């Protein structure tokens, strides 16, 4: 019975070491670049787009996801409201 316990102990130590290395590597990685443009979706089943934001907008909420510049332009052209605080329409030269 001693041999299996010893093997288990070795495996646990190896796993702990690997987890510590991964945690250290994760701390060393630079944070991900925030998206330049955000789309805010409404509440409910359909979750339709309700507002476009610039990436650093202070009024962007949890219901926002990142998008590329062409998607932001398209959303504004299709009538999705631009945020009145960060004014993505002005930043994109649309408004």
N, C-alpha and C. Protein backbone atom coordinates (compact mmCIF):
# COMPACT_ATOMS: atom_id res chain seq x y z
N UNK A 1 0.81 -1.19 0.00
CA UNK A 1 0.00 0.00 0.00
C UNK A 1 0.86 1.26 0.00
N UNK A 2 2.09 1.17 0.42
CA UNK A 2 2.94 2.34 0.51
C UNK A 2 3.33 2.86 -0.87
N UNK A 3 3.59 2.00 -1.81
CA UNK A 3 4.00 2.43 -3.15
C UNK A 3 2.91 3.26 -3.83
N UNK A 4 1.65 2.85 -3.84
CA UNK A 4 0.62 3.69 -4.48
C UNK A 4 0.48 5.05 -3.80
N UNK A 5 0.60 5.09 -2.48
CA UNK A 5 0.50 6.38 -1.78
C UNK A 5 1.68 7.29 -2.16
N UNK A 6 2.84 6.71 -2.27
CA UNK A 6 4.02 7.49 -2.67
C UNK A 6 3.86 8.03 -4.08
N UNK A 7 3.32 7.21 -4.98
CA UNK A 7 3.09 7.66 -6.35
C UNK A 7 2.05 8.78 -6.39
N UNK A 8 1.02 8.63 -5.58
CA UNK A 8 -0.02 9.65 -5.51
C UNK A 8 0.56 10.96 -4.99
N UNK A 9 1.40 10.88 -3.98
CA UNK A 9 2.04 12.07 -3.43
C UNK A 9 2.91 12.77 -4.47
N UNK A 10 3.67 11.98 -5.24
CA UNK A 10 4.50 12.55 -6.31
C UNK A 10 3.64 13.23 -7.36
N UNK A 11 2.54 12.57 -7.73
CA UNK A 11 1.65 13.14 -8.74
C UNK A 11 1.03 14.43 -8.24
N UNK A 12 0.62 14.47 -7.00
CA UNK A 12 0.03 15.68 -6.43
C UNK A 12 1.04 16.83 -6.41
N UNK A 13 2.28 16.53 -6.03
CA UNK A 13 3.31 17.57 -6.02
C UNK A 13 3.59 18.08 -7.43
N UNK A 14 3.64 17.16 -8.39
CA UNK A 14 3.87 17.58 -9.78
C UNK A 14 2.73 18.46 -10.28
N UNK A 15 1.50 18.10 -9.94
CA UNK A 15 0.35 18.88 -10.33
C UNK A 15 0.39 20.27 -9.68
N UNK A 16 0.69 20.34 -8.41
CA UNK A 16 0.81 21.63 -7.71
C UNK A 16 1.87 22.52 -8.34
N UNK A 17 3.00 21.92 -8.69
CA UNK A 17 4.09 22.67 -9.33
C UNK A 17 3.64 23.21 -10.67
N UNK A 18 2.97 22.36 -11.46
CA UNK A 18 2.49 22.80 -12.77
C UNK A 18 1.47 23.93 -12.63
N UNK A 19 0.56 23.83 -11.66
CA UNK A 19 -0.44 24.87 -11.45
C UNK A 19 0.22 26.18 -11.02
N UNK A 20 1.24 26.11 -10.17
CA UNK A 20 1.95 27.30 -9.74
C UNK A 20 2.66 27.97 -10.91
N UNK A 21 3.27 27.18 -11.79
CA UNK A 21 3.94 27.73 -12.97
C UNK A 21 2.93 28.42 -13.89
N UNK A 22 1.77 27.79 -14.09
CA UNK A 22 0.74 28.37 -14.94
C UNK A 22 0.22 29.68 -14.35
N UNK A 23 0.02 29.73 -13.05
CA UNK A 23 -0.45 30.95 -12.40
C UNK A 23 0.59 32.07 -12.54
N UNK A 24 1.86 31.73 -12.38
CA UNK A 24 2.92 32.71 -12.54
C UNK A 24 2.97 33.23 -13.97
N UNK A 25 2.86 32.34 -14.94
CA UNK A 25 2.87 32.75 -16.35
C UNK A 25 1.67 33.65 -16.66
N UNK A 26 0.51 33.34 -16.09
CA UNK A 26 -0.68 34.15 -16.32
C UNK A 26 -0.50 35.56 -15.75
N UNK A 27 0.15 35.67 -14.61
CA UNK A 27 0.39 36.99 -14.02
C UNK A 27 1.38 37.81 -14.84
N UNK A 28 2.28 37.15 -15.52
CA UNK A 28 3.30 37.85 -16.31
C UNK A 28 2.77 38.33 -17.66
N UNK A 29 1.70 37.68 -18.17
CA UNK A 29 1.15 38.08 -19.47
C UNK A 29 0.53 39.47 -19.36
N UNK A 30 0.74 40.29 -20.39
CA UNK A 30 0.09 41.62 -20.36
C UNK A 30 -1.42 41.44 -20.51
N UNK A 31 -2.20 42.37 -19.94
CA UNK A 31 -3.65 42.25 -20.07
C UNK A 31 -4.07 42.41 -21.53
N UNK A 32 -5.18 41.81 -21.86
CA UNK A 32 -5.68 41.88 -23.23
C UNK A 32 -6.06 43.32 -23.57
N UNK A 33 -5.81 43.70 -24.81
CA UNK A 33 -6.17 45.03 -25.28
C UNK A 33 -7.69 45.16 -25.32
N UNK A 34 -8.25 46.22 -24.71
CA UNK A 34 -9.70 46.36 -24.75
C UNK A 34 -10.16 46.66 -26.18
N UNK A 35 -11.38 46.27 -26.53
CA UNK A 35 -11.87 46.53 -27.89
C UNK A 35 -12.05 48.03 -28.12
N UNK A 36 -11.87 48.48 -29.35
CA UNK A 36 -12.00 49.90 -29.68
C UNK A 36 -13.46 50.32 -29.80
N UNK A 37 -14.35 49.38 -30.08
CA UNK A 37 -15.76 49.69 -30.27
C UNK A 37 -16.60 48.64 -29.56
N UNK A 38 -17.72 49.07 -29.00
CA UNK A 38 -18.60 48.18 -28.25
C UNK A 38 -20.03 48.31 -28.75
N UNK A 39 -20.76 47.20 -28.71
CA UNK A 39 -22.19 47.23 -28.98
C UNK A 39 -22.90 46.82 -27.70
N UNK A 40 -23.84 47.64 -27.27
CA UNK A 40 -24.63 47.33 -26.08
C UNK A 40 -25.94 46.73 -26.52
N UNK A 41 -26.29 45.61 -25.92
CA UNK A 41 -27.54 44.93 -26.27
C UNK A 41 -28.56 45.12 -25.17
N UNK A 42 -29.84 45.09 -25.56
CA UNK A 42 -30.93 45.25 -24.62
C UNK A 42 -31.12 44.02 -23.76
N UNK A 43 -32.11 44.11 -22.89
CA UNK A 43 -32.45 43.00 -22.00
C UNK A 43 -33.57 42.20 -22.65
N UNK A 44 -33.56 40.91 -22.47
CA UNK A 44 -34.66 40.09 -22.96
C UNK A 44 -34.21 39.04 -23.94
N UNK A 45 -35.19 38.37 -24.50
CA UNK A 45 -34.93 37.23 -25.38
C UNK A 45 -34.19 37.65 -26.65
N UNK A 46 -34.65 38.71 -27.29
CA UNK A 46 -34.05 39.11 -28.57
C UNK A 46 -32.71 39.80 -28.41
N UNK A 47 -32.50 40.51 -27.30
CA UNK A 47 -31.25 41.22 -27.02
C UNK A 47 -30.77 42.02 -28.24
N UNK A 48 -31.64 42.87 -28.74
CA UNK A 48 -31.31 43.69 -29.90
C UNK A 48 -30.28 44.75 -29.54
N UNK A 49 -29.47 45.19 -30.51
CA UNK A 49 -28.51 46.26 -30.24
C UNK A 49 -29.25 47.55 -29.90
N UNK A 50 -28.81 48.23 -28.84
CA UNK A 50 -29.46 49.47 -28.45
C UNK A 50 -28.51 50.67 -28.49
N UNK A 51 -27.21 50.44 -28.41
CA UNK A 51 -26.29 51.57 -28.37
C UNK A 51 -24.89 51.14 -28.80
N UNK A 52 -24.19 52.03 -29.49
CA UNK A 52 -22.79 51.83 -29.88
C UNK A 52 -21.94 52.72 -28.98
N UNK A 53 -20.82 52.19 -28.49
CA UNK A 53 -19.90 52.94 -27.62
C UNK A 53 -18.49 52.88 -28.19
N UNK A 54 -17.69 53.89 -27.86
CA UNK A 54 -16.24 53.81 -28.08
C UNK A 54 -15.69 52.90 -26.99
N UNK A 55 -14.57 52.27 -27.25
CA UNK A 55 -14.03 51.27 -26.34
C UNK A 55 -13.80 51.70 -24.91
N UNK A 56 -13.40 52.92 -24.67
CA UNK A 56 -13.10 53.36 -23.31
C UNK A 56 -14.23 54.11 -22.64
N UNK A 57 -15.44 54.00 -23.16
CA UNK A 57 -16.56 54.77 -22.62
C UNK A 57 -16.87 54.39 -21.18
N UNK A 58 -17.04 55.40 -20.34
CA UNK A 58 -17.35 55.16 -18.93
C UNK A 58 -18.78 54.65 -18.75
N UNK A 59 -19.64 54.85 -19.75
CA UNK A 59 -21.04 54.46 -19.62
C UNK A 59 -21.32 53.09 -20.24
N UNK A 60 -20.30 52.40 -20.72
CA UNK A 60 -20.50 51.06 -21.28
C UNK A 60 -20.87 50.11 -20.15
N UNK A 61 -21.88 49.30 -20.39
CA UNK A 61 -22.40 48.42 -19.35
C UNK A 61 -21.98 46.97 -19.58
N UNK A 62 -22.45 46.10 -18.71
CA UNK A 62 -22.11 44.68 -18.79
C UNK A 62 -22.65 44.01 -20.04
N UNK A 63 -23.68 44.57 -20.63
CA UNK A 63 -24.29 43.96 -21.81
C UNK A 63 -23.56 44.34 -23.10
N UNK A 64 -22.34 44.83 -22.99
CA UNK A 64 -21.56 45.25 -24.15
C UNK A 64 -20.59 44.15 -24.58
N UNK A 65 -20.41 44.05 -25.87
CA UNK A 65 -19.39 43.16 -26.43
C UNK A 65 -18.59 43.94 -27.47
N UNK A 66 -17.36 43.51 -27.69
CA UNK A 66 -16.49 44.18 -28.64
C UNK A 66 -16.91 43.93 -30.08
N UNK A 67 -16.56 44.87 -30.93
CA UNK A 67 -16.80 44.73 -32.36
C UNK A 67 -15.74 45.52 -33.12
N UNK A 68 -15.63 45.24 -34.41
CA UNK A 68 -14.64 45.95 -35.23
C UNK A 68 -15.27 47.23 -35.78
N UNK A 69 -14.43 48.09 -36.32
CA UNK A 69 -14.87 49.41 -36.77
C UNK A 69 -15.95 49.33 -37.84
N UNK A 70 -15.85 48.39 -38.76
CA UNK A 70 -16.87 48.26 -39.81
C UNK A 70 -18.23 47.91 -39.23
N UNK A 71 -18.24 47.06 -38.20
CA UNK A 71 -19.50 46.71 -37.54
C UNK A 71 -20.10 47.92 -36.83
N UNK A 72 -19.24 48.74 -36.22
CA UNK A 72 -19.72 49.95 -35.54
C UNK A 72 -20.34 50.91 -36.55
N UNK A 73 -19.67 51.12 -37.67
CA UNK A 73 -20.21 51.99 -38.72
C UNK A 73 -21.55 51.46 -39.23
N UNK A 74 -21.61 50.16 -39.48
CA UNK A 74 -22.84 49.55 -40.00
C UNK A 74 -23.98 49.70 -39.00
N UNK A 75 -23.70 49.46 -37.73
CA UNK A 75 -24.75 49.58 -36.71
C UNK A 75 -25.29 51.00 -36.64
N UNK A 76 -24.41 51.98 -36.66
CA UNK A 76 -24.85 53.38 -36.62
C UNK A 76 -25.65 53.73 -37.89
N UNK A 77 -25.19 53.26 -39.05
CA UNK A 77 -25.89 53.53 -40.30
C UNK A 77 -27.27 52.87 -40.32
N UNK A 78 -27.41 51.74 -39.62
CA UNK A 78 -28.69 51.04 -39.58
C UNK A 78 -29.62 51.59 -38.50
N UNK A 79 -29.20 52.64 -37.80
CA UNK A 79 -30.08 53.30 -36.86
C UNK A 79 -29.87 52.97 -35.40
N UNK A 80 -28.85 52.19 -35.07
CA UNK A 80 -28.55 51.94 -33.66
C UNK A 80 -28.00 53.24 -33.08
N UNK A 81 -28.52 53.63 -31.94
CA UNK A 81 -28.15 54.90 -31.32
C UNK A 81 -26.69 54.90 -30.87
N UNK A 82 -26.02 56.01 -31.06
CA UNK A 82 -24.68 56.19 -30.54
C UNK A 82 -24.76 56.71 -29.11
N UNK A 83 -23.82 56.33 -28.29
CA UNK A 83 -23.78 56.79 -26.91
C UNK A 83 -23.64 58.32 -26.88
N UNK A 84 -24.47 59.00 -26.09
CA UNK A 84 -24.37 60.46 -26.03
C UNK A 84 -23.13 60.96 -25.27
N UNK A 85 -22.44 60.08 -24.57
CA UNK A 85 -21.27 60.48 -23.78
C UNK A 85 -19.97 60.35 -24.57
N UNK A 86 -19.77 59.21 -25.21
CA UNK A 86 -18.50 59.00 -25.94
C UNK A 86 -18.61 59.36 -27.42
N UNK A 87 -19.81 59.55 -27.91
CA UNK A 87 -20.08 60.00 -29.28
C UNK A 87 -19.32 59.22 -30.35
N UNK A 88 -19.56 57.91 -30.48
CA UNK A 88 -18.86 57.13 -31.50
C UNK A 88 -19.18 57.58 -32.91
N UNK A 89 -20.36 58.15 -33.12
CA UNK A 89 -20.71 58.65 -34.45
C UNK A 89 -19.78 59.79 -34.87
N UNK A 90 -19.46 60.67 -33.94
CA UNK A 90 -18.54 61.77 -34.23
C UNK A 90 -17.12 61.24 -34.45
N UNK A 91 -16.73 60.28 -33.63
CA UNK A 91 -15.39 59.70 -33.76
C UNK A 91 -15.21 59.00 -35.11
N UNK A 92 -16.29 58.45 -35.63
CA UNK A 92 -16.24 57.76 -36.91
C UNK A 92 -16.56 58.68 -38.09
N UNK A 93 -16.85 59.95 -37.79
CA UNK A 93 -17.15 60.89 -38.86
C UNK A 93 -18.53 60.70 -39.47
N UNK A 94 -19.44 60.10 -38.71
CA UNK A 94 -20.79 59.84 -39.23
C UNK A 94 -21.75 60.94 -38.79
N UNK A 95 -21.60 61.44 -37.58
CA UNK A 95 -22.57 62.38 -37.01
C UNK A 95 -22.14 63.75 -37.13
